[in-house]
Structure formats: C-alpha cells, structure tokens
Amino acid sequence: EEESRATREGLDEESLAIFDLIRKDELDARDMKRIKKVAAELLAKLKSEKLKIDQWTSKEATRDAVKSEIHDFLYADATGLPEPYSDDEIRILAANVFLHVLRAYPRLPSPIYTAENAA
C-alpha cells in the first residue's frame, strides 16, 4: 500500500517517509510540490554525504552534523520549507526528521528499506 502511495505521490518509499514527516494538510498544490522536492533532495543529500560515514550514529560530532544539516536544509530559503511553516515548526520537524534518519539509517543502505525487509 505504501509503495503504491509513494508512486502516486511521485516519490520512492524512503522519500515518502520524509515527506509524511514534514507535510501540513493546509498547503496548496504548489507548496505540496515543493515539500515533495524538499523531502527527496534532503534525503539524497544526507545519503550522499553524512550518512556514508561509517558508524555515524555512534559519533556525537557526526550525529550533530546530521541534525544541523537537516535543520539548515529545511530552514534555507533556497532548499527548505515554504513560507506557511514557522520557525518553531521547522525546528520541531527537523528534530522529527533527525529521529527518523537516526532509526532508519544506522548504515547505508537502510535495513528498513531493503528489499528483504520490505516484504
């Protein structure tokens, strides 16, 4: 079911999880499109950089860098969430995304999203 919902939203399952964490119901179509882009690009950036670090979850400096990267990405005008989001909402959403990433990506590829665990 989630796989078909991801396809309907134009996202993969991993990006859909981020999208679900950061979306708000009262957004217009343009903002929803932006949220989808933010979810996919944030996850891609994390996977191409910070999450590649061996045992990143056990290193405080790396965990802090991931947390900061998420917040900065969501907050930035160029890459982040649209105007209907307040600073407090962004701070809370960044924390929620970080907790998801911490749990779902102890290593790459994520053991949660591998084909053998998807069944």
PDB file of N, CA and C in Angstrom:
ATOM      1  N   GLU A   1       0.822  -1.198   0.000  1.00  0.00           N
ATOM      2  CA  GLU A   1       0.000   0.000   0.000  1.00  0.00           C
ATOM      3  C   GLU A   1       0.869   1.266   0.000  1.00  0.00           C
ATOM      4  N   GLU A   2       1.895   1.294   0.854  1.00  0.00           N
ATOM      5  CA  GLU A   2       2.785   2.454   0.906  1.00  0.00           C
ATOM      6  C   GLU A   2       3.549   2.625  -0.401  1.00  0.00           C
ATOM      7  N   GLU A   3       3.901   1.499  -1.020  1.00  0.00           N
ATOM      8  CA  GLU A   3       4.609   1.566  -2.297  1.00  0.00           C
ATOM      9  C   GLU A   3       3.740   2.216  -3.365  1.00  0.00           C
ATOM     10  N   SER A   4       2.459   1.859  -3.413  1.00  0.00           N
ATOM     11  CA  SER A   4       1.570   2.463  -4.407  1.00  0.00           C
ATOM     12  C   SER A   4       1.294   3.927  -4.063  1.00  0.00           C
ATOM     13  N   ARG A   5       1.226   4.264  -2.776  1.00  0.00           N
ATOM     14  CA  ARG A   5       1.049   5.664  -2.380  1.00  0.00           C
ATOM     15  C   ARG A   5       2.285   6.476  -2.761  1.00  0.00           C
ATOM     16  N   ALA A   6       3.457   5.886  -2.574  1.00  0.00           N
ATOM     17  CA  ALA A   6       4.698   6.567  -2.964  1.00  0.00           C
ATOM     18  C   ALA A   6       4.686   6.853  -4.460  1.00  0.00           C
ATOM     19  N   THR A   7       4.258   5.885  -5.252  1.00  0.00           N
ATOM     20  CA  THR A   7       4.181   6.065  -6.701  1.00  0.00           C
ATOM     21  C   THR A   7       3.190   7.169  -7.049  1.00  0.00           C
ATOM     22  N   ARG A   8       2.029   7.185  -6.392  1.00  0.00           N
ATOM     23  CA  ARG A   8       1.040   8.232  -6.638  1.00  0.00           C
ATOM     24  C   ARG A   8       1.592   9.614  -6.314  1.00  0.00           C
ATOM     25  N   GLU A   9       2.401   9.696  -5.269  1.00  0.00           N
ATOM     26  CA  GLU A   9       2.981  10.981  -4.856  1.00  0.00           C
ATOM     27  C   GLU A   9       4.200  11.350  -5.679  1.00  0.00           C
ATOM     28  N   GLY A  10       4.702  10.415  -6.503  1.00  0.00           N
ATOM     29  CA  GLY A  10       5.885  10.683  -7.315  1.00  0.00           C
ATOM     30  C   GLY A  10       7.180  10.597  -6.510  1.00  0.00           C
ATOM     31  N   LEU A  11       7.179   9.783  -5.471  1.00  0.00           N
ATOM     32  CA  LEU A  11       8.339   9.628  -4.590  1.00  0.00           C
ATOM     33  C   LEU A  11       8.659   8.139  -4.421  1.00  0.00           C
ATOM     34  N   ASP A  12       9.863   7.844  -3.930  1.00  0.00           N
ATOM     35  CA  ASP A  12      10.138   6.471  -3.518  1.00  0.00           C
ATOM     36  C   ASP A  12       9.726   6.331  -2.054  1.00  0.00           C
ATOM     37  N   GLU A  13       9.746   5.115  -1.534  1.00  0.00           N
ATOM     38  CA  GLU A  13       9.271   4.889  -0.162  1.00  0.00           C
ATOM     39  C   GLU A  13      10.090   5.666   0.873  1.00  0.00           C
ATOM     40  N   GLU A  14      11.381   5.764   0.653  1.00  0.00           N
ATOM     41  CA  GLU A  14      12.237   6.467   1.602  1.00  0.00           C
ATOM     42  C   GLU A  14      11.910   7.960   1.648  1.00  0.00           C
ATOM     43  N   SER A  15      11.761   8.564   0.490  1.00  0.00           N
ATOM     44  CA  SER A  15      11.410   9.986   0.427  1.00  0.00           C
ATOM     45  C   SER A  15       9.999  10.229   0.937  1.00  0.00           C
ATOM     46  N   LEU A  16       9.107   9.270   0.706  1.00  0.00           N
ATOM     47  CA  LEU A  16       7.727   9.392   1.198  1.00  0.00           C
ATOM     48  C   LEU A  16       7.703   9.491   2.726  1.00  0.00           C
ATOM     49  N   ALA A  17       8.569   8.756   3.390  1.00  0.00           N
ATOM     50  CA  ALA A  17       8.617   8.814   4.851  1.00  0.00           C
ATOM     51  C   ALA A  17       9.004  10.221   5.317  1.00  0.00           C
ATOM     52  N   ILE A  18       9.977  10.837   4.651  1.00  0.00           N
ATOM     53  CA  ILE A  18      10.381  12.209   4.996  1.00  0.00           C
ATOM     54  C   ILE A  18       9.240  13.170   4.674  1.00  0.00           C
ATOM     55  N   PHE A  19       8.632  12.988   3.503  1.00  0.00           N
ATOM     56  CA  PHE A  19       7.502  13.821   3.087  1.00  0.00           C
ATOM     57  C   PHE A  19       6.389  13.787   4.133  1.00  0.00           C
ATOM     58  N   ASP A  20       6.056  12.593   4.614  1.00  0.00           N
ATOM     59  CA  ASP A  20       5.000  12.458   5.617  1.00  0.00           C
ATOM     60  C   ASP A  20       5.348  13.192   6.908  1.00  0.00           C
ATOM     61  N   LEU A  21       6.616  13.239   7.250  1.00  0.00           N
ATOM     62  CA  LEU A  21       7.046  13.920   8.470  1.00  0.00           C
ATOM     63  C   LEU A  21       6.962  15.439   8.363  1.00  0.00           C
ATOM     64  N   ILE A  22       7.128  15.983   7.157  1.00  0.00           N
ATOM     65  CA  ILE A  22       7.231  17.439   7.029  1.00  0.00           C
ATOM     66  C   ILE A  22       6.008  18.118   6.399  1.00  0.00           C
ATOM     67  N   ARG A  23       5.062  17.347   5.893  1.00  0.00           N
ATOM     68  CA  ARG A  23       3.921  17.988   5.221  1.00  0.00           C
ATOM     69  C   ARG A  23       2.880  18.483   6.219  1.00  0.00           C
ATOM     70  N   LYS A  24       2.133  19.469   5.768  1.00  0.00           N
ATOM     71  CA  LYS A  24       0.988  20.000   6.512  1.00  0.00           C
ATOM     72  C   LYS A  24      -0.230  19.834   5.622  1.00  0.00           C
ATOM     73  N   ASP A  25      -1.377  19.629   6.234  1.00  0.00           N
ATOM     74  CA  ASP A  25      -2.598  19.404   5.458  1.00  0.00           C
ATOM     75  C   ASP A  25      -3.086  20.649   4.725  1.00  0.00           C
ATOM     76  N   GLU A  26      -2.863  21.817   5.289  1.00  0.00           N
ATOM     77  CA  GLU A  26      -3.447  23.037   4.717  1.00  0.00           C
ATOM     78  C   GLU A  26      -2.584  23.693   3.636  1.00  0.00           C
ATOM     79  N   LEU A  27      -1.736  22.943   2.957  1.00  0.00           N
ATOM     80  CA  LEU A  27      -0.883  23.510   1.912  1.00  0.00           C
ATOM     81  C   LEU A  27      -1.576  23.435   0.550  1.00  0.00           C
ATOM     82  N   ASP A  28      -1.271  24.419  -0.295  1.00  0.00           N
ATOM     83  CA  ASP A  28      -1.805  24.376  -1.652  1.00  0.00           C
ATOM     84  C   ASP A  28      -0.938  23.443  -2.512  1.00  0.00           C
ATOM     85  N   ALA A  29      -1.358  23.213  -3.743  1.00  0.00           N
ATOM     86  CA  ALA A  29      -0.674  22.268  -4.633  1.00  0.00           C
ATOM     87  C   ALA A  29       0.774  22.669  -4.888  1.00  0.00           C
ATOM     88  N   ARG A  30       1.022  23.964  -5.030  1.00  0.00           N
ATOM     89  CA  ARG A  30       2.391  24.434  -5.280  1.00  0.00           C
ATOM     90  C   ARG A  30       3.307  24.137  -4.098  1.00  0.00           C
ATOM     91  N   ASP A  31       2.792  24.376  -2.886  1.00  0.00           N
ATOM     92  CA  ASP A  31       3.586  24.098  -1.692  1.00  0.00           C
ATOM     93  C   ASP A  31       3.781  22.598  -1.491  1.00  0.00           C
ATOM     94  N   MET A  32       2.762  21.793  -1.800  1.00  0.00           N
ATOM     95  CA  MET A  32       2.914  20.341  -1.688  1.00  0.00           C
ATOM     96  C   MET A  32       3.991  19.835  -2.649  1.00  0.00           C
ATOM     97  N   LYS A  33       4.034  20.405  -3.827  1.00  0.00           N
ATOM     98  CA  LYS A  33       5.060  20.026  -4.792  1.00  0.00           C
ATOM     99  C   LYS A  33       6.444  20.375  -4.233  1.00  0.00           C
ATOM    100  N   ARG A  34       6.541  21.541  -3.607  1.00  0.00           N
ATOM    101  CA  ARG A  34       7.813  21.952  -3.001  1.00  0.00           C
ATOM    102  C   ARG A  34       8.203  21.014  -1.874  1.00  0.00           C
ATOM    103  N   ILE A  35       7.242  20.591  -1.053  1.00  0.00           N
ATOM    104  CA  ILE A  35       7.522  19.684   0.062  1.00  0.00           C
ATOM    105  C   ILE A  35       8.061  18.354  -0.465  1.00  0.00           C
ATOM    106  N   LYS A  36       7.485  17.852  -1.540  1.00  0.00           N
ATOM    107  CA  LYS A  36       7.979  16.606  -2.138  1.00  0.00           C
ATOM    108  C   LYS A  36       9.419  16.765  -2.597  1.00  0.00           C
ATOM    109  N   LYS A  37       9.709  17.894  -3.221  1.00  0.00           N
ATOM    110  CA  LYS A  37      11.067  18.158  -3.687  1.00  0.00           C
ATOM    111  C   LYS A  37      12.031  18.263  -2.502  1.00  0.00           C
ATOM    112  N   VAL A  38      11.623  18.947  -1.455  1.00  0.00           N
ATOM    113  CA  VAL A  38      12.451  19.086  -0.259  1.00  0.00           C
ATOM    114  C   VAL A  38      12.749  17.709   0.333  1.00  0.00           C
ATOM    115  N   ALA A  39      11.734  16.863   0.457  1.00  0.00           N
ATOM    116  CA  ALA A  39      11.912  15.528   1.035  1.00  0.00           C
ATOM    117  C   ALA A  39      12.926  14.714   0.236  1.00  0.00           C
ATOM    118  N   ALA A  40      12.757  14.685  -1.074  1.00  0.00           N
ATOM    119  CA  ALA A  40      13.648  13.895  -1.927  1.00  0.00           C
ATOM    120  C   ALA A  40      15.066  14.452  -1.917  1.00  0.00           C
ATOM    121  N   GLU A  41      15.208  15.769  -2.017  1.00  0.00           N
ATOM    122  CA  GLU A  41      16.544  16.366  -2.068  1.00  0.00           C
ATOM    123  C   GLU A  41      17.272  16.277  -0.731  1.00  0.00           C
ATOM    124  N   LEU A  42      16.553  16.446   0.359  1.00  0.00           N
ATOM    125  CA  LEU A  42      17.183  16.322   1.672  1.00  0.00           C
ATOM    126  C   LEU A  42      17.706  14.907   1.876  1.00  0.00           C
ATOM    127  N   LEU A  43      16.898  13.919   1.579  1.00  0.00           N
ATOM    128  CA  LEU A  43      17.331  12.538   1.747  1.00  0.00           C
ATOM    129  C   LEU A  43      18.520  12.220   0.840  1.00  0.00           C
ATOM    130  N   ALA A  44      18.470  12.674  -0.396  1.00  0.00           N
ATOM    131  CA  ALA A  44      19.579  12.434  -1.320  1.00  0.00           C
ATOM    132  C   ALA A  44      20.871  13.066  -0.806  1.00  0.00           C
ATOM    133  N   LYS A  45      20.770  14.283  -0.297  1.00  0.00           N
ATOM    134  CA  LYS A  45      21.951  14.972   0.224  1.00  0.00           C
ATOM    135  C   LYS A  45      22.525  14.234   1.428  1.00  0.00           C
ATOM    136  N   LEU A  46      21.679  13.826   2.343  1.00  0.00           N
ATOM    137  CA  LEU A  46      22.155  13.098   3.520  1.00  0.00           C
ATOM    138  C   LEU A  46      22.811  11.780   3.122  1.00  0.00           C
ATOM    139  N   LYS A  47      22.183  11.054   2.206  1.00  0.00           N
ATOM    140  CA  LYS A  47      22.721   9.760   1.793  1.00  0.00           C
ATOM    141  C   LYS A  47      24.024   9.900   1.014  1.00  0.00           C
ATOM    142  N   SER A  48      24.206  11.002   0.324  1.00  0.00           N
ATOM    143  CA  SER A  48      25.425  11.178  -0.462  1.00  0.00           C
ATOM    144  C   SER A  48      26.575  11.730   0.372  1.00  0.00           C
ATOM    145  N   GLU A  49      26.281  12.225   1.566  1.00  0.00           N
ATOM    146  CA  GLU A  49      27.327  12.837   2.385  1.00  0.00           C
ATOM    147  C   GLU A  49      27.386  12.221   3.781  1.00  0.00           C
ATOM    148  N   LYS A  50      26.645  12.769   4.690  1.00  0.00           N
ATOM    149  CA  LYS A  50      26.769  12.461   6.121  1.00  0.00           C
ATOM    150  C   LYS A  50      26.483  11.007   6.473  1.00  0.00           C
ATOM    151  N   LEU A  51      25.496  10.398   5.841  1.00  0.00           N
ATOM    152  CA  LEU A  51      25.133   9.038   6.219  1.00  0.00           C
ATOM    153  C   LEU A  51      26.103   7.997   5.685  1.00  0.00           C
ATOM    154  N   LYS A  52      27.041   8.404   4.831  1.00  0.00           N
ATOM    155  CA  LYS A  52      28.063   7.498   4.322  1.00  0.00           C
ATOM    156  C   LYS A  52      29.180   7.265   5.338  1.00  0.00           C
ATOM    157  N   ILE A  53      29.247   8.112   6.338  1.00  0.00           N
ATOM    158  CA  ILE A  53      30.304   7.996   7.341  1.00  0.00           C
ATOM    159  C   ILE A  53      30.068   6.732   8.157  1.00  0.00           C
ATOM    160  N   ASP A  54      31.096   5.908   8.250  1.00  0.00           N
ATOM    161  CA  ASP A  54      30.999   4.644   8.968  1.00  0.00           C
ATOM    162  C   ASP A  54      30.609   4.878  10.425  1.00  0.00           C
ATOM    163  N   GLN A  55      29.601   4.167  10.876  1.00  0.00           N
ATOM    164  CA  GLN A  55      29.088   4.243  12.246  1.00  0.00           C
ATOM    165  C   GLN A  55      28.759   5.677  12.670  1.00  0.00           C
ATOM    166  N   TRP A  56      28.111   6.403  11.779  1.00  0.00           N
ATOM    167  CA  TRP A  56      27.808   7.805  12.054  1.00  0.00           C
ATOM    168  C   TRP A  56      26.936   7.982  13.292  1.00  0.00           C
ATOM    169  N   THR A  57      26.113   7.009  13.601  1.00  0.00           N
ATOM    170  CA  THR A  57      25.208   7.140  14.744  1.00  0.00           C
ATOM    171  C   THR A  57      25.934   7.073  16.089  1.00  0.00           C
ATOM    172  N   SER A  58      27.107   6.489  16.103  1.00  0.00           N
ATOM    173  CA  SER A  58      27.834   6.359  17.368  1.00  0.00           C
ATOM    174  C   SER A  58      28.811   7.508  17.609  1.00  0.00           C
ATOM    175  N   LYS A  59      28.927   8.411  16.663  1.00  0.00           N
ATOM    176  CA  LYS A  59      29.859   9.542  16.785  1.00  0.00           C
ATOM    177  C   LYS A  59      29.059  10.823  17.024  1.00  0.00           C
ATOM    178  N   GLU A  60      29.233  11.401  18.198  1.00  0.00           N
ATOM    179  CA  GLU A  60      28.436  12.577  18.573  1.00  0.00           C
ATOM    180  C   GLU A  60      28.595  13.722  17.575  1.00  0.00           C
ATOM    181  N   ALA A  61      29.815  13.975  17.141  1.00  0.00           N
ATOM    182  CA  ALA A  61      30.048  15.085  16.208  1.00  0.00           C
ATOM    183  C   ALA A  61      29.321  14.850  14.885  1.00  0.00           C
ATOM    184  N   THR A  62      29.317  13.621  14.426  1.00  0.00           N
ATOM    185  CA  THR A  62      28.640  13.304  13.161  1.00  0.00           C
ATOM    186  C   THR A  62      27.125  13.374  13.336  1.00  0.00           C
ATOM    187  N   ARG A  63      26.609  12.868  14.449  1.00  0.00           N
ATOM    188  CA  ARG A  63      25.164  12.984  14.714  1.00  0.00           C
ATOM    189  C   ARG A  63      24.756  14.451  14.745  1.00  0.00           C
ATOM    190  N   ASP A  64      25.557  15.277  15.422  1.00  0.00           N
ATOM    191  CA  ASP A  64      25.257  16.709  15.478  1.00  0.00           C
ATOM    192  C   ASP A  64      25.303  17.343  14.095  1.00  0.00           C
ATOM    193  N   ALA A  65      26.243  16.891  13.265  1.00  0.00           N
ATOM    194  CA  ALA A  65      26.346  17.423  11.901  1.00  0.00           C
ATOM    195  C   ALA A  65      25.126  17.042  11.073  1.00  0.00           C
ATOM    196  N   VAL A  66      24.632  15.826  11.251  1.00  0.00           N
ATOM    197  CA  VAL A  66      23.427  15.386  10.541  1.00  0.00           C
ATOM    198  C   VAL A  66      22.232  16.206  11.005  1.00  0.00           C
ATOM    199  N   LYS A  67      22.096  16.377  12.302  1.00  0.00           N
ATOM    200  CA  LYS A  67      20.987  17.156  12.868  1.00  0.00           C
ATOM    201  C   LYS A  67      21.019  18.589  12.333  1.00  0.00           C
ATOM    202  N   SER A  68      22.193  19.180  12.302  1.00  0.00           N
ATOM    203  CA  SER A  68      22.354  20.543  11.807  1.00  0.00           C
ATOM    204  C   SER A  68      22.058  20.633  10.316  1.00  0.00           C
ATOM    205  N   GLU A  69      22.522  19.650   9.561  1.00  0.00           N
ATOM    206  CA  GLU A  69      22.271  19.618   8.114  1.00  0.00           C
ATOM    207  C   GLU A  69      20.778  19.583   7.823  1.00  0.00           C
ATOM    208  N   ILE A  70      20.052  18.772   8.554  1.00  0.00           N
ATOM    209  CA  ILE A  70      18.602  18.665   8.364  1.00  0.00           C
ATOM    210  C   ILE A  70      17.929  20.006   8.666  1.00  0.00           C
ATOM    211  N   HIS A  71      18.251  20.593   9.807  1.00  0.00           N
ATOM    212  CA  HIS A  71      17.642  21.872  10.179  1.00  0.00           C
ATOM    213  C   HIS A  71      17.965  22.951   9.149  1.00  0.00           C
ATOM    214  N   ASP A  72      19.234  23.068   8.794  1.00  0.00           N
ATOM    215  CA  ASP A  72      19.651  24.108   7.849  1.00  0.00           C
ATOM    216  C   ASP A  72      18.991  23.927   6.489  1.00  0.00           C
ATOM    217  N   PHE A  73      18.875  22.674   6.048  1.00  0.00           N
ATOM    218  CA  PHE A  73      18.252  22.394   4.757  1.00  0.00           C
ATOM    219  C   PHE A  73      16.782  22.789   4.776  1.00  0.00           C
ATOM    220  N   LEU A  74      16.074  22.426   5.846  1.00  0.00           N
ATOM    221  CA  LEU A  74      14.646  22.746   5.939  1.00  0.00           C
ATOM    222  C   LEU A  74      14.408  24.240   6.120  1.00  0.00           C
ATOM    223  N   TYR A  75      15.343  24.922   6.728  1.00  0.00           N
ATOM    224  CA  TYR A  75      15.182  26.349   7.028  1.00  0.00           C
ATOM    225  C   TYR A  75      15.595  27.262   5.874  1.00  0.00           C
ATOM    226  N   ALA A  76      16.535  26.826   5.051  1.00  0.00           N
ATOM    227  CA  ALA A  76      17.089  27.671   3.988  1.00  0.00           C
ATOM    228  C   ALA A  76      16.031  28.072   2.966  1.00  0.00           C
ATOM    229  N   ASP A  77      16.105  29.330   2.527  1.00  0.00           N
ATOM    230  CA  ASP A  77      15.166  29.816   1.514  1.00  0.00           C
ATOM    231  C   ASP A  77      15.271  29.029   0.216  1.00  0.00           C
ATOM    232  N   ALA A  78      16.489  28.695  -0.185  1.00  0.00           N
ATOM    233  CA  ALA A  78      16.710  28.043  -1.476  1.00  0.00           C
ATOM    234  C   ALA A  78      16.276  26.576  -1.490  1.00  0.00           C
ATOM    235  N   THR A  79      16.433  25.879  -0.375  1.00  0.00           N
ATOM    236  CA  THR A  79      16.165  24.444  -0.367  1.00  0.00           C
ATOM    237  C   THR A  79      15.017  24.029   0.539  1.00  0.00           C
ATOM    238  N   GLY A  80      14.592  24.883   1.417  1.00  0.00           N
ATOM    239  CA  GLY A  80      13.738  24.455   2.511  1.00  0.00           C
ATOM    240  C   GLY A  80      12.254  24.578   2.319  1.00  0.00           C
ATOM    241  N   LEU A  81      11.594  24.562   3.452  1.00  0.00           N
ATOM    242  CA  LEU A  81      10.141  24.563   3.503  1.00  0.00           C
ATOM    243  C   LEU A  81       9.569  25.925   3.129  1.00  0.00           C
ATOM    244  N   PRO A  82       8.385  25.940   2.519  1.00  0.00           N
ATOM    245  CA  PRO A  82       7.781  27.201   2.086  1.00  0.00           C
ATOM    246  C   PRO A  82       7.305  28.045   3.276  1.00  0.00           C
ATOM    247  N   GLU A  83       6.903  29.240   2.979  1.00  0.00           N
ATOM    248  CA  GLU A  83       6.545  30.246   3.984  1.00  0.00           C
ATOM    249  C   GLU A  83       5.460  29.838   4.985  1.00  0.00           C
ATOM    250  N   PRO A  84       4.492  29.010   4.640  1.00  0.00           N
ATOM    251  CA  PRO A  84       3.496  28.685   5.670  1.00  0.00           C
ATOM    252  C   PRO A  84       4.073  28.019   6.929  1.00  0.00           C
ATOM    253  N   TYR A  85       5.351  27.616   6.895  1.00  0.00           N
ATOM    254  CA  TYR A  85       5.987  26.990   8.050  1.00  0.00           C
ATOM    255  C   TYR A  85       6.653  28.057   8.917  1.00  0.00           C
ATOM    256  N   SER A  86       6.389  28.008  10.208  1.00  0.00           N
ATOM    257  CA  SER A  86       7.020  28.944  11.143  1.00  0.00           C
ATOM    258  C   SER A  86       8.396  28.403  11.569  1.00  0.00           C
ATOM    259  N   ASP A  87       9.186  29.260  12.170  1.00  0.00           N
ATOM    260  CA  ASP A  87      10.495  28.842  12.671  1.00  0.00           C
ATOM    261  C   ASP A  87      10.356  27.710  13.686  1.00  0.00           C
ATOM    262  N   ASP A  88       9.375  27.806  14.563  1.00  0.00           N
ATOM    263  CA  ASP A  88       9.159  26.752  15.568  1.00  0.00           C
ATOM    264  C   ASP A  88       8.761  25.435  14.909  1.00  0.00           C
ATOM    265  N   GLU A  89       7.914  25.494  13.893  1.00  0.00           N
ATOM    266  CA  GLU A  89       7.520  24.274  13.181  1.00  0.00           C
ATOM    267  C   GLU A  89       8.738  23.629  12.524  1.00  0.00           C
ATOM    268  N   ILE A  90       9.570  24.446  11.905  1.00  0.00           N
ATOM    269  CA  ILE A  90      10.758  23.914  11.237  1.00  0.00           C
ATOM    270  C   ILE A  90      11.680  23.243  12.254  1.00  0.00           C
ATOM    271  N   ARG A  91      11.848  23.861  13.403  1.00  0.00           N
ATOM    272  CA  ARG A  91      12.702  23.282  14.449  1.00  0.00           C
ATOM    273  C   ARG A  91      12.157  21.924  14.886  1.00  0.00           C
ATOM    274  N   ILE A  92      10.862  21.831  15.097  1.00  0.00           N
ATOM    275  CA  ILE A  92      10.231  20.574  15.525  1.00  0.00           C
ATOM    276  C   ILE A  92      10.310  19.527  14.419  1.00  0.00           C
ATOM    277  N   LEU A  93      10.016  19.929  13.189  1.00  0.00           N
ATOM    278  CA  LEU A  93      10.064  18.987  12.067  1.00  0.00           C
ATOM    279  C   LEU A  93      11.477  18.487  11.827  1.00  0.00           C
ATOM    280  N   ALA A  94      12.461  19.356  11.963  1.00  0.00           N
ATOM    281  CA  ALA A  94      13.856  18.951  11.797  1.00  0.00           C
ATOM    282  C   ALA A  94      14.227  17.895  12.837  1.00  0.00           C
ATOM    283  N   ALA A  95      13.769  18.088  14.064  1.00  0.00           N
ATOM    284  CA  ALA A  95      14.035  17.104  15.117  1.00  0.00           C
ATOM    285  C   ALA A  95      13.364  15.767  14.794  1.00  0.00           C
ATOM    286  N   ASN A  96      12.139  15.810  14.291  1.00  0.00           N
ATOM    287  CA  ASN A  96      11.425  14.583  13.922  1.00  0.00           C
ATOM    288  C   ASN A  96      12.110  13.862  12.765  1.00  0.00           C
ATOM    289  N   VAL A  97      12.556  14.613  11.777  1.00  0.00           N
ATOM    290  CA  VAL A  97      13.260  14.010  10.644  1.00  0.00           C
ATOM    291  C   VAL A  97      14.570  13.397  11.126  1.00  0.00           C
ATOM    292  N   PHE A  98      15.285  14.091  11.997  1.00  0.00           N
ATOM    293  CA  PHE A  98      16.535  13.552  12.528  1.00  0.00           C
ATOM    294  C   PHE A  98      16.282  12.218  13.241  1.00  0.00           C
ATOM    295  N   LEU A  99      15.261  12.143  14.083  1.00  0.00           N
ATOM    296  CA  LEU A  99      14.968  10.889  14.782  1.00  0.00           C
ATOM    297  C   LEU A  99      14.652   9.767  13.802  1.00  0.00           C
ATOM    298  N   HIS A 100      13.914  10.083  12.747  1.00  0.00           N
ATOM    299  CA  HIS A 100      13.627   9.081  11.721  1.00  0.00           C
ATOM    300  C   HIS A 100      14.913   8.612  11.056  1.00  0.00           C
ATOM    301  N   VAL A 101      15.752   9.551  10.671  1.00  0.00           N
ATOM    302  CA  VAL A 101      17.010   9.211   9.996  1.00  0.00           C
ATOM    303  C   VAL A 101      17.901   8.389  10.931  1.00  0.00           C
ATOM    304  N   LEU A 102      17.952   8.767  12.182  1.00  0.00           N
ATOM    305  CA  LEU A 102      18.756   8.044  13.171  1.00  0.00           C
ATOM    306  C   LEU A 102      18.307   6.585  13.267  1.00  0.00           C
ATOM    307  N   ARG A 103      17.009   6.353  13.260  1.00  0.00           N
ATOM    308  CA  ARG A 103      16.477   4.989  13.374  1.00  0.00           C
ATOM    309  C   ARG A 103      16.545   4.217  12.061  1.00  0.00           C
ATOM    310  N   ALA A 104      16.245   4.881  10.965  1.00  0.00           N
ATOM    311  CA  ALA A 104      16.125   4.188   9.674  1.00  0.00           C
ATOM    312  C   ALA A 104      17.453   3.990   8.956  1.00  0.00           C
ATOM    313  N   TYR A 105      18.459   4.795   9.299  1.00  0.00           N
ATOM    314  CA  TYR A 105      19.721   4.746   8.562  1.00  0.00           C
ATOM    315  C   TYR A 105      20.929   4.545   9.472  1.00  0.00           C
ATOM    316  N   PRO A 106      20.948   3.443  10.239  1.00  0.00           N
ATOM    317  CA  PRO A 106      22.149   3.201  11.035  1.00  0.00           C
ATOM    318  C   PRO A 106      23.346   2.931  10.121  1.00  0.00           C
ATOM    319  N   ARG A 107      23.044   2.554   8.895  1.00  0.00           N
ATOM    320  CA  ARG A 107      24.051   2.343   7.845  1.00  0.00           C
ATOM    321  C   ARG A 107      23.342   2.464   6.493  1.00  0.00           C
ATOM    322  N   LEU A 108      24.132   2.544   5.451  1.00  0.00           N
ATOM    323  CA  LEU A 108      23.576   2.566   4.098  1.00  0.00           C
ATOM    324  C   LEU A 108      23.902   1.252   3.414  1.00  0.00           C
ATOM    325  N   PRO A 109      22.984   0.670   2.675  1.00  0.00           N
ATOM    326  CA  PRO A 109      21.589   1.092   2.556  1.00  0.00           C
ATOM    327  C   PRO A 109      20.829   0.831   3.852  1.00  0.00           C
ATOM    328  N   SER A 110      19.731   1.508   4.001  1.00  0.00           N
ATOM    329  CA  SER A 110      18.911   1.368   5.205  1.00  0.00           C
ATOM    330  C   SER A 110      18.380  -0.058   5.317  1.00  0.00           C
ATOM    331  N   PRO A 111      18.552  -0.677   6.485  1.00  0.00           N
ATOM    332  CA  PRO A 111      17.989  -2.024   6.656  1.00  0.00           C
ATOM    333  C   PRO A 111      16.462  -2.032   6.625  1.00  0.00           C
ATOM    334  N   ILE A 112      15.837  -0.906   6.861  1.00  0.00           N
ATOM    335  CA  ILE A 112      14.378  -0.818   6.836  1.00  0.00           C
ATOM    336  C   ILE A 112      13.849  -0.850   5.411  1.00  0.00           C
ATOM    337  N   TYR A 113      14.582  -0.267   4.479  1.00  0.00           N
ATOM    338  CA  TYR A 113      14.081  -0.123   3.122  1.00  0.00           C
ATOM    339  C   TYR A 113      14.695  -1.100   2.132  1.00  0.00           C
ATOM    340  N   THR A 114      15.435  -2.083   2.608  1.00  0.00           N
ATOM    341  CA  THR A 114      15.979  -3.084   1.684  1.00  0.00           C
ATOM    342  C   THR A 114      14.880  -4.014   1.230  1.00  0.00           C
ATOM    343  N   ALA A 115      15.060  -4.638   0.100  1.00  0.00           N
ATOM    344  CA  ALA A 115      14.036  -5.484  -0.496  1.00  0.00           C
ATOM    345  C   ALA A 115      13.628  -6.627   0.428  1.00  0.00           C
ATOM    346  N   GLU A 116      14.571  -7.206   1.162  1.00  0.00           N
ATOM    347  CA  GLU A 116      14.230  -8.350   2.011  1.00  0.00           C
ATOM    348  C   GLU A 116      13.361  -7.948   3.195  1.00  0.00           C
ATOM    349  N   ASN A 117      13.472  -6.709   3.661  1.00  0.00           N
ATOM    350  CA  ASN A 117      12.651  -6.251   4.791  1.00  0.00           C
ATOM    351  C   ASN A 117      11.371  -5.596   4.345  1.00  0.00           C
ATOM    352  N   ALA A 118      11.236  -5.285   3.078  1.00  0.00           N
ATOM    353  CA  ALA A 118      10.044  -4.605   2.575  1.00  0.00           C
ATOM    354  C   ALA A 118       8.850  -5.537   2.503  1.00  0.00           C
ATOM    355  N   ALA A 119       9.100  -6.815   2.461  1.00  0.00           N
ATOM    356  CA  ALA A 119       8.002  -7.787   2.332  1.00  0.00           C
ATOM    357  C   ALA A 119       7.246  -7.985   3.616  1.00  0.00           C
TER     358      ALA A 119
END
